[in-house]
mmCIF file of all heavy atoms, coordinates in Angstrom:
data_MODEL
# 
_entry.id   MODEL 
# 
loop_
_atom_site.group_PDB 
_atom_site.id 
_atom_site.type_symbol 
_atom_site.label_atom_id 
_atom_site.label_alt_id 
_atom_site.label_comp_id 
_atom_site.label_asym_id 
_atom_site.label_entity_id 
_atom_site.label_seq_id 
_atom_site.pdbx_PDB_ins_code 
_atom_site.Cartn_x 
_atom_site.Cartn_y 
_atom_site.Cartn_z 
_atom_site.occupancy 
_atom_site.B_iso_or_equiv 
_atom_site.pdbx_formal_charge 
_atom_site.auth_seq_id 
_atom_site.auth_comp_id 
_atom_site.auth_asym_id 
_atom_site.auth_atom_id 
_atom_site.pdbx_PDB_model_num 
ATOM 1   N N   . ASN A 1 1  ? 4.553   -9.036  -5.550  1.00 0.00 ? 1  ASN A N   1 
ATOM 2   C CA  . ASN A 1 1  ? 5.226   -10.134 -4.801  1.00 0.00 ? 1  ASN A CA  1 
ATOM 3   C C   . ASN A 1 1  ? 4.592   -10.206 -3.386  1.00 0.00 ? 1  ASN A C   1 
ATOM 4   O O   . ASN A 1 1  ? 4.317   -11.356 -2.925  1.00 0.00 ? 1  ASN A O   1 
ATOM 5   C CB  . ASN A 1 1  ? 6.730   -9.813  -4.697  1.00 0.00 ? 1  ASN A CB  1 
ATOM 6   C CG  . ASN A 1 1  ? 7.413   -10.016 -5.963  1.00 0.00 ? 1  ASN A CG  1 
ATOM 7   O OD1 . ASN A 1 1  ? 6.938   -10.714 -6.931  1.00 0.00 ? 1  ASN A OD1 1 
ATOM 8   N ND2 . ASN A 1 1  ? 8.630   -9.461  -6.073  1.00 0.00 ? 1  ASN A ND2 1 
ATOM 9   N N   . HIS A 1 2  ? 4.447   -9.139  -2.747  1.00 0.00 ? 2  HIS A N   1 
ATOM 10  C CA  . HIS A 1 2  ? 3.839   -9.211  -1.383  1.00 0.00 ? 2  HIS A CA  1 
ATOM 11  C C   . HIS A 1 2  ? 2.401   -9.764  -1.436  1.00 0.00 ? 2  HIS A C   1 
ATOM 12  O O   . HIS A 1 2  ? 2.050   -10.637 -0.630  1.00 0.00 ? 2  HIS A O   1 
ATOM 13  C CB  . HIS A 1 2  ? 3.806   -7.822  -0.685  1.00 0.00 ? 2  HIS A CB  1 
ATOM 14  C CG  . HIS A 1 2  ? 5.106   -7.129  -0.524  1.00 0.00 ? 2  HIS A CG  1 
ATOM 15  N ND1 . HIS A 1 2  ? 6.292   -7.764  -0.411  1.00 0.00 ? 2  HIS A ND1 1 
ATOM 16  C CD2 . HIS A 1 2  ? 5.429   -5.756  -0.519  1.00 0.00 ? 2  HIS A CD2 1 
ATOM 17  C CE1 . HIS A 1 2  ? 7.297   -6.944  -0.302  1.00 0.00 ? 2  HIS A CE1 1 
ATOM 18  N NE2 . HIS A 1 2  ? 6.726   -5.726  -0.305  1.00 0.00 ? 2  HIS A NE2 1 
ATOM 19  N N   . TYR A 1 3  ? 1.688   -9.346  -2.378  1.00 0.00 ? 3  TYR A N   1 
ATOM 20  C CA  . TYR A 1 3  ? 0.308   -9.753  -2.580  1.00 0.00 ? 3  TYR A CA  1 
ATOM 21  C C   . TYR A 1 3  ? 0.195   -11.296 -2.860  1.00 0.00 ? 3  TYR A C   1 
ATOM 22  O O   . TYR A 1 3  ? -0.634  -11.985 -2.344  1.00 0.00 ? 3  TYR A O   1 
ATOM 23  C CB  . TYR A 1 3  ? -0.380  -8.927  -3.705  1.00 0.00 ? 3  TYR A CB  1 
ATOM 24  C CG  . TYR A 1 3  ? -1.839  -9.062  -3.864  1.00 0.00 ? 3  TYR A CG  1 
ATOM 25  C CD1 . TYR A 1 3  ? -2.696  -8.472  -2.896  1.00 0.00 ? 3  TYR A CD1 1 
ATOM 26  C CD2 . TYR A 1 3  ? -2.389  -9.767  -4.881  1.00 0.00 ? 3  TYR A CD2 1 
ATOM 27  C CE1 . TYR A 1 3  ? -4.032  -8.627  -3.003  1.00 0.00 ? 3  TYR A CE1 1 
ATOM 28  C CE2 . TYR A 1 3  ? -3.788  -9.869  -5.052  1.00 0.00 ? 3  TYR A CE2 1 
ATOM 29  C CZ  . TYR A 1 3  ? -4.568  -9.251  -4.114  1.00 0.00 ? 3  TYR A CZ  1 
ATOM 30  O OH  . TYR A 1 3  ? -5.977  -9.322  -4.175  1.00 0.00 ? 3  TYR A OH  1 
ATOM 31  N N   . ASN A 1 4  ? 1.127   -11.754 -3.698  1.00 0.00 ? 4  ASN A N   1 
ATOM 32  C CA  . ASN A 1 4  ? 1.118   -13.197 -4.075  1.00 0.00 ? 4  ASN A CA  1 
ATOM 33  C C   . ASN A 1 4  ? 1.513   -14.048 -2.916  1.00 0.00 ? 4  ASN A C   1 
ATOM 34  O O   . ASN A 1 4  ? 1.072   -15.220 -2.903  1.00 0.00 ? 4  ASN A O   1 
ATOM 35  C CB  . ASN A 1 4  ? 2.116   -13.390 -5.199  1.00 0.00 ? 4  ASN A CB  1 
ATOM 36  C CG  . ASN A 1 4  ? 1.539   -12.900 -6.530  1.00 0.00 ? 4  ASN A CG  1 
ATOM 37  O OD1 . ASN A 1 4  ? 0.351   -12.726 -6.673  1.00 0.00 ? 4  ASN A OD1 1 
ATOM 38  N ND2 . ASN A 1 4  ? 2.419   -12.823 -7.493  1.00 0.00 ? 4  ASN A ND2 1 
ATOM 39  N N   . VAL A 1 5  ? 2.208   -13.601 -1.948  1.00 0.00 ? 5  VAL A N   1 
ATOM 40  C CA  . VAL A 1 5  ? 2.529   -14.391 -0.739  1.00 0.00 ? 5  VAL A CA  1 
ATOM 41  C C   . VAL A 1 5  ? 1.205   -14.617 -0.023  1.00 0.00 ? 5  VAL A C   1 
ATOM 42  O O   . VAL A 1 5  ? 1.059   -15.601 0.753   1.00 0.00 ? 5  VAL A O   1 
ATOM 43  C CB  . VAL A 1 5  ? 3.569   -13.703 0.144   1.00 0.00 ? 5  VAL A CB  1 
ATOM 44  C CG1 . VAL A 1 5  ? 3.883   -14.623 1.436   1.00 0.00 ? 5  VAL A CG1 1 
ATOM 45  C CG2 . VAL A 1 5  ? 4.898   -13.540 -0.644  1.00 0.00 ? 5  VAL A CG2 1 
ATOM 46  N N   . LEU A 1 6  ? 0.293   -13.732 -0.163  1.00 0.00 ? 6  LEU A N   1 
ATOM 47  C CA  . LEU A 1 6  ? -1.053  -13.847 0.607   1.00 0.00 ? 6  LEU A CA  1 
ATOM 48  C C   . LEU A 1 6  ? -2.094  -14.538 -0.187  1.00 0.00 ? 6  LEU A C   1 
ATOM 49  O O   . LEU A 1 6  ? -3.287  -14.528 0.179   1.00 0.00 ? 6  LEU A O   1 
ATOM 50  C CB  . LEU A 1 6  ? -1.493  -12.386 0.910   1.00 0.00 ? 6  LEU A CB  1 
ATOM 51  C CG  . LEU A 1 6  ? -0.693  -11.540 1.899   1.00 0.00 ? 6  LEU A CG  1 
ATOM 52  C CD1 . LEU A 1 6  ? -1.036  -10.098 1.730   1.00 0.00 ? 6  LEU A CD1 1 
ATOM 53  C CD2 . LEU A 1 6  ? -0.913  -12.039 3.313   1.00 0.00 ? 6  LEU A CD2 1 
ATOM 54  N N   . LYS A 1 7  ? -1.657  -15.328 -1.237  1.00 0.00 ? 7  LYS A N   1 
ATOM 55  C CA  . LYS A 1 7  ? -2.704  -15.899 -2.160  1.00 0.00 ? 7  LYS A CA  1 
ATOM 56  C C   . LYS A 1 7  ? -3.615  -16.863 -1.548  1.00 0.00 ? 7  LYS A C   1 
ATOM 57  O O   . LYS A 1 7  ? -4.668  -17.096 -2.093  1.00 0.00 ? 7  LYS A O   1 
ATOM 58  C CB  . LYS A 1 7  ? -1.877  -16.503 -3.349  1.00 0.00 ? 7  LYS A CB  1 
ATOM 59  C CG  . LYS A 1 7  ? -1.143  -17.782 -2.974  1.00 0.00 ? 7  LYS A CG  1 
ATOM 60  C CD  . LYS A 1 7  ? -0.262  -18.262 -4.091  1.00 0.00 ? 7  LYS A CD  1 
ATOM 61  C CE  . LYS A 1 7  ? 0.586   -19.389 -3.856  1.00 0.00 ? 7  LYS A CE  1 
ATOM 62  N NZ  . LYS A 1 7  ? 1.596   -19.111 -2.858  1.00 0.00 ? 7  LYS A NZ  1 
ATOM 63  N N   . ASP A 1 8  ? -3.371  -17.480 -0.398  1.00 0.00 ? 8  ASP A N   1 
ATOM 64  C CA  . ASP A 1 8  ? -4.293  -18.377 0.212   1.00 0.00 ? 8  ASP A CA  1 
ATOM 65  C C   . ASP A 1 8  ? -5.415  -17.740 1.020   1.00 0.00 ? 8  ASP A C   1 
ATOM 66  O O   . ASP A 1 8  ? -6.276  -18.420 1.447   1.00 0.00 ? 8  ASP A O   1 
ATOM 67  C CB  . ASP A 1 8  ? -3.546  -19.387 1.136   1.00 0.00 ? 8  ASP A CB  1 
ATOM 68  C CG  . ASP A 1 8  ? -2.567  -20.302 0.371   1.00 0.00 ? 8  ASP A CG  1 
ATOM 69  O OD1 . ASP A 1 8  ? -2.971  -20.630 -0.860  1.00 0.00 ? 8  ASP A OD1 1 
ATOM 70  O OD2 . ASP A 1 8  ? -1.577  -20.792 0.883   1.00 0.00 ? 8  ASP A OD2 1 
ATOM 71  N N   . TYR A 1 9  ? -5.351  -16.440 1.181   1.00 0.00 ? 9  TYR A N   1 
ATOM 72  C CA  . TYR A 1 9  ? -6.399  -15.784 1.969   1.00 0.00 ? 9  TYR A CA  1 
ATOM 73  C C   . TYR A 1 9  ? -7.524  -15.367 1.081   1.00 0.00 ? 9  TYR A C   1 
ATOM 74  O O   . TYR A 1 9  ? -7.362  -14.965 -0.048  1.00 0.00 ? 9  TYR A O   1 
ATOM 75  C CB  . TYR A 1 9  ? -5.768  -14.489 2.617   1.00 0.00 ? 9  TYR A CB  1 
ATOM 76  C CG  . TYR A 1 9  ? -4.920  -14.871 3.721   1.00 0.00 ? 9  TYR A CG  1 
ATOM 77  C CD1 . TYR A 1 9  ? -3.606  -15.081 3.617   1.00 0.00 ? 9  TYR A CD1 1 
ATOM 78  C CD2 . TYR A 1 9  ? -5.510  -15.068 5.053   1.00 0.00 ? 9  TYR A CD2 1 
ATOM 79  C CE1 . TYR A 1 9  ? -2.739  -15.431 4.677   1.00 0.00 ? 9  TYR A CE1 1 
ATOM 80  C CE2 . TYR A 1 9  ? -4.720  -15.386 6.124   1.00 0.00 ? 9  TYR A CE2 1 
ATOM 81  C CZ  . TYR A 1 9  ? -3.330  -15.593 5.916   1.00 0.00 ? 9  TYR A CZ  1 
ATOM 82  O OH  . TYR A 1 9  ? -2.565  -16.002 6.950   1.00 0.00 ? 9  TYR A OH  1 
ATOM 83  N N   . LYS A 1 10 ? -8.783  -15.643 1.593   1.00 0.00 ? 10 LYS A N   1 
ATOM 84  C CA  . LYS A 1 10 ? -9.944  -15.165 0.902   1.00 0.00 ? 10 LYS A CA  1 
ATOM 85  C C   . LYS A 1 10 ? -10.728 -14.340 1.830   1.00 0.00 ? 10 LYS A C   1 
ATOM 86  O O   . LYS A 1 10 ? -11.713 -14.817 2.405   1.00 0.00 ? 10 LYS A O   1 
ATOM 87  C CB  . LYS A 1 10 ? -10.754 -16.412 0.425   1.00 0.00 ? 10 LYS A CB  1 
ATOM 88  C CG  . LYS A 1 10 ? -9.939  -17.506 -0.359  1.00 0.00 ? 10 LYS A CG  1 
ATOM 89  C CD  . LYS A 1 10 ? -9.743  -17.042 -1.808  1.00 0.00 ? 10 LYS A CD  1 
ATOM 90  C CE  . LYS A 1 10 ? -9.005  -18.114 -2.610  1.00 0.00 ? 10 LYS A CE  1 
ATOM 91  N NZ  . LYS A 1 10 ? -7.573  -17.937 -2.538  1.00 0.00 ? 10 LYS A NZ  1 
ATOM 92  N N   . GLU A 1 11 ? -10.304 -13.149 2.150   1.00 0.00 ? 11 GLU A N   1 
ATOM 93  C CA  . GLU A 1 11 ? -11.049 -12.323 3.098   1.00 0.00 ? 11 GLU A CA  1 
ATOM 94  C C   . GLU A 1 11 ? -10.803 -10.821 2.767   1.00 0.00 ? 11 GLU A C   1 
ATOM 95  O O   . GLU A 1 11 ? -9.865  -10.490 2.105   1.00 0.00 ? 11 GLU A O   1 
ATOM 96  C CB  . GLU A 1 11 ? -10.503 -12.666 4.559   1.00 0.00 ? 11 GLU A CB  1 
ATOM 97  C CG  . GLU A 1 11 ? -9.074  -12.340 4.703   1.00 0.00 ? 11 GLU A CG  1 
ATOM 98  C CD  . GLU A 1 11 ? -8.454  -12.881 5.961   1.00 0.00 ? 11 GLU A CD  1 
ATOM 99  O OE1 . GLU A 1 11 ? -8.603  -14.026 6.304   1.00 0.00 ? 11 GLU A OE1 1 
ATOM 100 O OE2 . GLU A 1 11 ? -7.874  -12.033 6.706   1.00 0.00 ? 11 GLU A OE2 1 
ATOM 101 N N   . ASP A 1 12 ? -11.625 -10.010 3.299   1.00 0.00 ? 12 ASP A N   1 
ATOM 102 C CA  . ASP A 1 12 ? -11.500 -8.630  3.146   1.00 0.00 ? 12 ASP A CA  1 
ATOM 103 C C   . ASP A 1 12 ? -10.521 -8.109  4.225   1.00 0.00 ? 12 ASP A C   1 
ATOM 104 O O   . ASP A 1 12 ? -10.688 -8.601  5.382   1.00 0.00 ? 12 ASP A O   1 
ATOM 105 C CB  . ASP A 1 12 ? -12.845 -7.934  3.374   1.00 0.00 ? 12 ASP A CB  1 
ATOM 106 C CG  . ASP A 1 12 ? -12.717 -6.363  3.101   1.00 0.00 ? 12 ASP A CG  1 
ATOM 107 O OD1 . ASP A 1 12 ? -11.857 -6.038  2.273   1.00 0.00 ? 12 ASP A OD1 1 
ATOM 108 O OD2 . ASP A 1 12 ? -13.476 -5.678  3.705   1.00 0.00 ? 12 ASP A OD2 1 
ATOM 109 N N   . ALA A 1 13 ? -9.558  -7.244  3.839   1.00 0.00 ? 13 ALA A N   1 
ATOM 110 C CA  . ALA A 1 13 ? -8.571  -6.897  4.828   1.00 0.00 ? 13 ALA A CA  1 
ATOM 111 C C   . ALA A 1 13 ? -8.404  -5.368  4.705   1.00 0.00 ? 13 ALA A C   1 
ATOM 112 O O   . ALA A 1 13 ? -8.185  -4.908  3.651   1.00 0.00 ? 13 ALA A O   1 
ATOM 113 C CB  . ALA A 1 13 ? -7.258  -7.590  4.616   1.00 0.00 ? 13 ALA A CB  1 
ATOM 114 N N   . LYS A 1 14 ? -8.407  -4.683  5.903   1.00 0.00 ? 14 LYS A N   1 
ATOM 115 C CA  . LYS A 1 14 ? -8.138  -3.304  5.874   1.00 0.00 ? 14 LYS A CA  1 
ATOM 116 C C   . LYS A 1 14 ? -6.578  -3.078  5.927   1.00 0.00 ? 14 LYS A C   1 
ATOM 117 O O   . LYS A 1 14 ? -5.965  -3.852  6.726   1.00 0.00 ? 14 LYS A O   1 
ATOM 118 C CB  . LYS A 1 14 ? -8.717  -2.644  7.071   1.00 0.00 ? 14 LYS A CB  1 
ATOM 119 C CG  . LYS A 1 14 ? -10.242 -2.547  6.923   1.00 0.00 ? 14 LYS A CG  1 
ATOM 120 C CD  . LYS A 1 14 ? -10.749 -1.114  7.347   1.00 0.00 ? 14 LYS A CD  1 
ATOM 121 C CE  . LYS A 1 14 ? -12.211 -0.880  7.186   1.00 0.00 ? 14 LYS A CE  1 
ATOM 122 N NZ  . LYS A 1 14 ? -12.973 -1.743  6.419   1.00 0.00 ? 14 LYS A NZ  1 
ATOM 123 N N   . VAL A 1 15 ? -6.057  -2.257  5.148   1.00 0.00 ? 15 VAL A N   1 
ATOM 124 C CA  . VAL A 1 15 ? -4.731  -2.054  5.082   1.00 0.00 ? 15 VAL A CA  1 
ATOM 125 C C   . VAL A 1 15 ? -4.241  -0.813  5.656   1.00 0.00 ? 15 VAL A C   1 
ATOM 126 O O   . VAL A 1 15 ? -4.781  0.262   5.282   1.00 0.00 ? 15 VAL A O   1 
ATOM 127 C CB  . VAL A 1 15 ? -4.134  -2.155  3.568   1.00 0.00 ? 15 VAL A CB  1 
ATOM 128 C CG1 . VAL A 1 15 ? -2.603  -1.799  3.529   1.00 0.00 ? 15 VAL A CG1 1 
ATOM 129 C CG2 . VAL A 1 15 ? -4.419  -3.457  2.978   1.00 0.00 ? 15 VAL A CG2 1 
ATOM 130 N N   . SER A 1 16 ? -3.298  -0.848  6.550   1.00 0.00 ? 16 SER A N   1 
ATOM 131 C CA  . SER A 1 16 ? -2.827  0.413   7.133   1.00 0.00 ? 16 SER A CA  1 
ATOM 132 C C   . SER A 1 16 ? -1.350  0.618   6.693   1.00 0.00 ? 16 SER A C   1 
ATOM 133 O O   . SER A 1 16 ? -0.529  -0.245  6.988   1.00 0.00 ? 16 SER A O   1 
ATOM 134 C CB  . SER A 1 16 ? -2.843  0.293   8.710   1.00 0.00 ? 16 SER A CB  1 
ATOM 135 O OG  . SER A 1 16 ? -1.742  0.888   9.268   1.00 0.00 ? 16 SER A OG  1 
ATOM 136 N N   . ALA A 1 17 ? -1.112  1.694   5.997   1.00 0.00 ? 17 ALA A N   1 
ATOM 137 C CA  . ALA A 1 17 ? 0.221   1.911   5.507   1.00 0.00 ? 17 ALA A CA  1 
ATOM 138 C C   . ALA A 1 17 ? 0.540   3.417   5.410   1.00 0.00 ? 17 ALA A C   1 
ATOM 139 O O   . ALA A 1 17 ? -0.365  4.217   4.951   1.00 0.00 ? 17 ALA A O   1 
ATOM 140 C CB  . ALA A 1 17 ? 0.488   1.297   4.141   1.00 0.00 ? 17 ALA A CB  1 
ATOM 141 N N   . GLY A 1 18 ? 1.683   3.851   5.938   1.00 0.00 ? 18 GLY A N   1 
ATOM 142 C CA  . GLY A 1 18 ? 1.937   5.304   5.919   1.00 0.00 ? 18 GLY A CA  1 
ATOM 143 C C   . GLY A 1 18 ? 2.383   5.683   4.486   1.00 0.00 ? 18 GLY A C   1 
ATOM 144 O O   . GLY A 1 18 ? 2.909   4.917   3.756   1.00 0.00 ? 18 GLY A O   1 
ATOM 145 N N   . THR A 1 19 ? 2.168   7.004   4.194   1.00 0.00 ? 19 THR A N   1 
ATOM 146 C CA  . THR A 1 19 ? 2.719   7.520   2.906   1.00 0.00 ? 19 THR A CA  1 
ATOM 147 C C   . THR A 1 19 ? 3.008   9.025   3.023   1.00 0.00 ? 19 THR A C   1 
ATOM 148 O O   . THR A 1 19 ? 2.202   9.755   3.576   1.00 0.00 ? 19 THR A O   1 
ATOM 149 C CB  . THR A 1 19 ? 1.587   7.236   1.770   1.00 0.00 ? 19 THR A CB  1 
ATOM 150 O OG1 . THR A 1 19 ? 2.098   7.775   0.589   1.00 0.00 ? 19 THR A OG1 1 
ATOM 151 C CG2 . THR A 1 19 ? 0.236   7.928   2.091   1.00 0.00 ? 19 THR A CG2 1 
ATOM 152 N N   . PRO A 1 20 ? 4.156   9.454   2.524   1.00 0.00 ? 20 PRO A N   1 
ATOM 153 C CA  . PRO A 1 20 ? 4.418   10.864  2.637   1.00 0.00 ? 20 PRO A CA  1 
ATOM 154 C C   . PRO A 1 20 ? 3.588   11.571  1.507   1.00 0.00 ? 20 PRO A C   1 
ATOM 155 O O   . PRO A 1 20 ? 3.561   11.194  0.368   1.00 0.00 ? 20 PRO A O   1 
ATOM 156 C CB  . PRO A 1 20 ? 5.925   11.008  2.132   1.00 0.00 ? 20 PRO A CB  1 
ATOM 157 C CG  . PRO A 1 20 ? 6.413   9.600   1.879   1.00 0.00 ? 20 PRO A CG  1 
ATOM 158 C CD  . PRO A 1 20 ? 5.286   8.672   1.905   1.00 0.00 ? 20 PRO A CD  1 
ATOM 159 N N   . ILE A 1 21 ? 2.675   12.528  1.902   1.00 0.00 ? 21 ILE A N   1 
ATOM 160 C CA  . ILE A 1 21 ? 1.831   13.121  1.063   1.00 0.00 ? 21 ILE A CA  1 
ATOM 161 C C   . ILE A 1 21 ? 2.007   14.634  0.874   1.00 0.00 ? 21 ILE A C   1 
ATOM 162 O O   . ILE A 1 21 ? 2.820   15.191  1.602   1.00 0.00 ? 21 ILE A O   1 
ATOM 163 C CB  . ILE A 1 21 ? 0.313   12.912  1.374   1.00 0.00 ? 21 ILE A CB  1 
ATOM 164 C CG1 . ILE A 1 21 ? 0.029   13.399  2.832   1.00 0.00 ? 21 ILE A CG1 1 
ATOM 165 C CG2 . ILE A 1 21 ? -0.086  11.450  1.245   1.00 0.00 ? 21 ILE A CG2 1 
ATOM 166 C CD1 . ILE A 1 21 ? -1.410  13.530  3.172   1.00 0.00 ? 21 ILE A CD1 1 
ATOM 167 N N   . GLY A 1 22 ? 1.359   15.254  -0.094  1.00 0.00 ? 22 GLY A N   1 
ATOM 168 C CA  . GLY A 1 22 ? 1.468   16.716  -0.274  1.00 0.00 ? 22 GLY A CA  1 
ATOM 169 C C   . GLY A 1 22 ? 2.383   16.958  -1.541  1.00 0.00 ? 22 GLY A C   1 
ATOM 170 O O   . GLY A 1 22 ? 3.411   17.516  -1.438  1.00 0.00 ? 22 GLY A O   1 
ATOM 171 N N   . PRO A 1 23 ? 1.867   16.442  -2.728  1.00 0.00 ? 23 PRO A N   1 
ATOM 172 C CA  . PRO A 1 23 ? 2.695   16.681  -3.937  1.00 0.00 ? 23 PRO A CA  1 
ATOM 173 C C   . PRO A 1 23 ? 2.949   18.196  -4.192  1.00 0.00 ? 23 PRO A C   1 
ATOM 174 O O   . PRO A 1 23 ? 2.063   19.031  -3.803  1.00 0.00 ? 23 PRO A O   1 
ATOM 175 C CB  . PRO A 1 23 ? 1.860   16.120  -5.060  1.00 0.00 ? 23 PRO A CB  1 
ATOM 176 C CG  . PRO A 1 23 ? 0.486   16.081  -4.567  1.00 0.00 ? 23 PRO A CG  1 
ATOM 177 C CD  . PRO A 1 23 ? 0.595   15.852  -3.068  1.00 0.00 ? 23 PRO A CD  1 
ATOM 178 N N   . GLY A 1 24 ? 4.119   18.482  -4.768  1.00 0.00 ? 24 GLY A N   1 
ATOM 179 C CA  . GLY A 1 24 ? 4.357   19.883  -5.156  1.00 0.00 ? 24 GLY A CA  1 
ATOM 180 C C   . GLY A 1 24 ? 5.208   19.904  -6.363  1.00 0.00 ? 24 GLY A C   1 
ATOM 181 O O   . GLY A 1 24 ? 4.980   19.194  -7.349  1.00 0.00 ? 24 GLY A O   1 
ATOM 182 N N   . SER A 1 25 ? 6.302   20.716  -6.276  1.00 0.00 ? 25 SER A N   1 
ATOM 183 C CA  . SER A 1 25 ? 7.274   20.812  -7.421  1.00 0.00 ? 25 SER A CA  1 
ATOM 184 C C   . SER A 1 25 ? 8.013   19.516  -7.536  1.00 0.00 ? 25 SER A C   1 
ATOM 185 O O   . SER A 1 25 ? 7.970   18.686  -6.587  1.00 0.00 ? 25 SER A O   1 
ATOM 186 C CB  . SER A 1 25 ? 8.226   21.946  -7.181  1.00 0.00 ? 25 SER A CB  1 
ATOM 187 O OG  . SER A 1 25 ? 9.061   21.564  -6.070  1.00 0.00 ? 25 SER A OG  1 
ATOM 188 N N   . THR A 1 26 ? 8.753   19.275  -8.603  1.00 0.00 ? 26 THR A N   1 
ATOM 189 C CA  . THR A 1 26 ? 9.529   18.079  -8.784  1.00 0.00 ? 26 THR A CA  1 
ATOM 190 C C   . THR A 1 26 ? 10.602  17.967  -7.653  1.00 0.00 ? 26 THR A C   1 
ATOM 191 O O   . THR A 1 26 ? 10.781  16.852  -7.128  1.00 0.00 ? 26 THR A O   1 
ATOM 192 C CB  . THR A 1 26 ? 10.154  18.097  -10.167 1.00 0.00 ? 26 THR A CB  1 
ATOM 193 O OG1 . THR A 1 26 ? 9.042   18.041  -11.067 1.00 0.00 ? 26 THR A OG1 1 
ATOM 194 C CG2 . THR A 1 26 ? 11.073  16.869  -10.395 1.00 0.00 ? 26 THR A CG2 1 
ATOM 195 N N   . SER A 1 27 ? 11.212  19.043  -7.282  1.00 0.00 ? 27 SER A N   1 
ATOM 196 C CA  . SER A 1 27 ? 12.223  19.049  -6.141  1.00 0.00 ? 27 SER A CA  1 
ATOM 197 C C   . SER A 1 27 ? 11.432  18.528  -4.956  1.00 0.00 ? 27 SER A C   1 
ATOM 198 O O   . SER A 1 27 ? 12.055  17.683  -4.196  1.00 0.00 ? 27 SER A O   1 
ATOM 199 C CB  . SER A 1 27 ? 12.796  20.390  -5.981  1.00 0.00 ? 27 SER A CB  1 
ATOM 200 O OG  . SER A 1 27 ? 13.603  20.409  -4.821  1.00 0.00 ? 27 SER A OG  1 
ATOM 201 N N   . HIS A 1 28 ? 10.256  19.019  -4.583  1.00 0.00 ? 28 HIS A N   1 
ATOM 202 C CA  . HIS A 1 28 ? 9.519   18.611  -3.431  1.00 0.00 ? 28 HIS A CA  1 
ATOM 203 C C   . HIS A 1 28 ? 9.192   17.209  -3.463  1.00 0.00 ? 28 HIS A C   1 
ATOM 204 O O   . HIS A 1 28 ? 9.335   16.423  -2.550  1.00 0.00 ? 28 HIS A O   1 
ATOM 205 C CB  . HIS A 1 28 ? 8.305   19.575  -3.322  1.00 0.00 ? 28 HIS A CB  1 
ATOM 206 C CG  . HIS A 1 28 ? 7.435   19.125  -2.158  1.00 0.00 ? 28 HIS A CG  1 
ATOM 207 N ND1 . HIS A 1 28 ? 7.660   19.444  -0.860  1.00 0.00 ? 28 HIS A ND1 1 
ATOM 208 C CD2 . HIS A 1 28 ? 6.271   18.426  -2.196  1.00 0.00 ? 28 HIS A CD2 1 
ATOM 209 C CE1 . HIS A 1 28 ? 6.706   18.969  -0.101  1.00 0.00 ? 28 HIS A CE1 1 
ATOM 210 N NE2 . HIS A 1 28 ? 5.808   18.319  -0.917  1.00 0.00 ? 28 HIS A NE2 1 
# 
């Protein structure tokens, strides 16, 4: 849905987005 709102753009874009990393056990 987010990507489709940008459908008129024809350019390369760098994306900055945070993400919690460090997979472990299922509880973690």
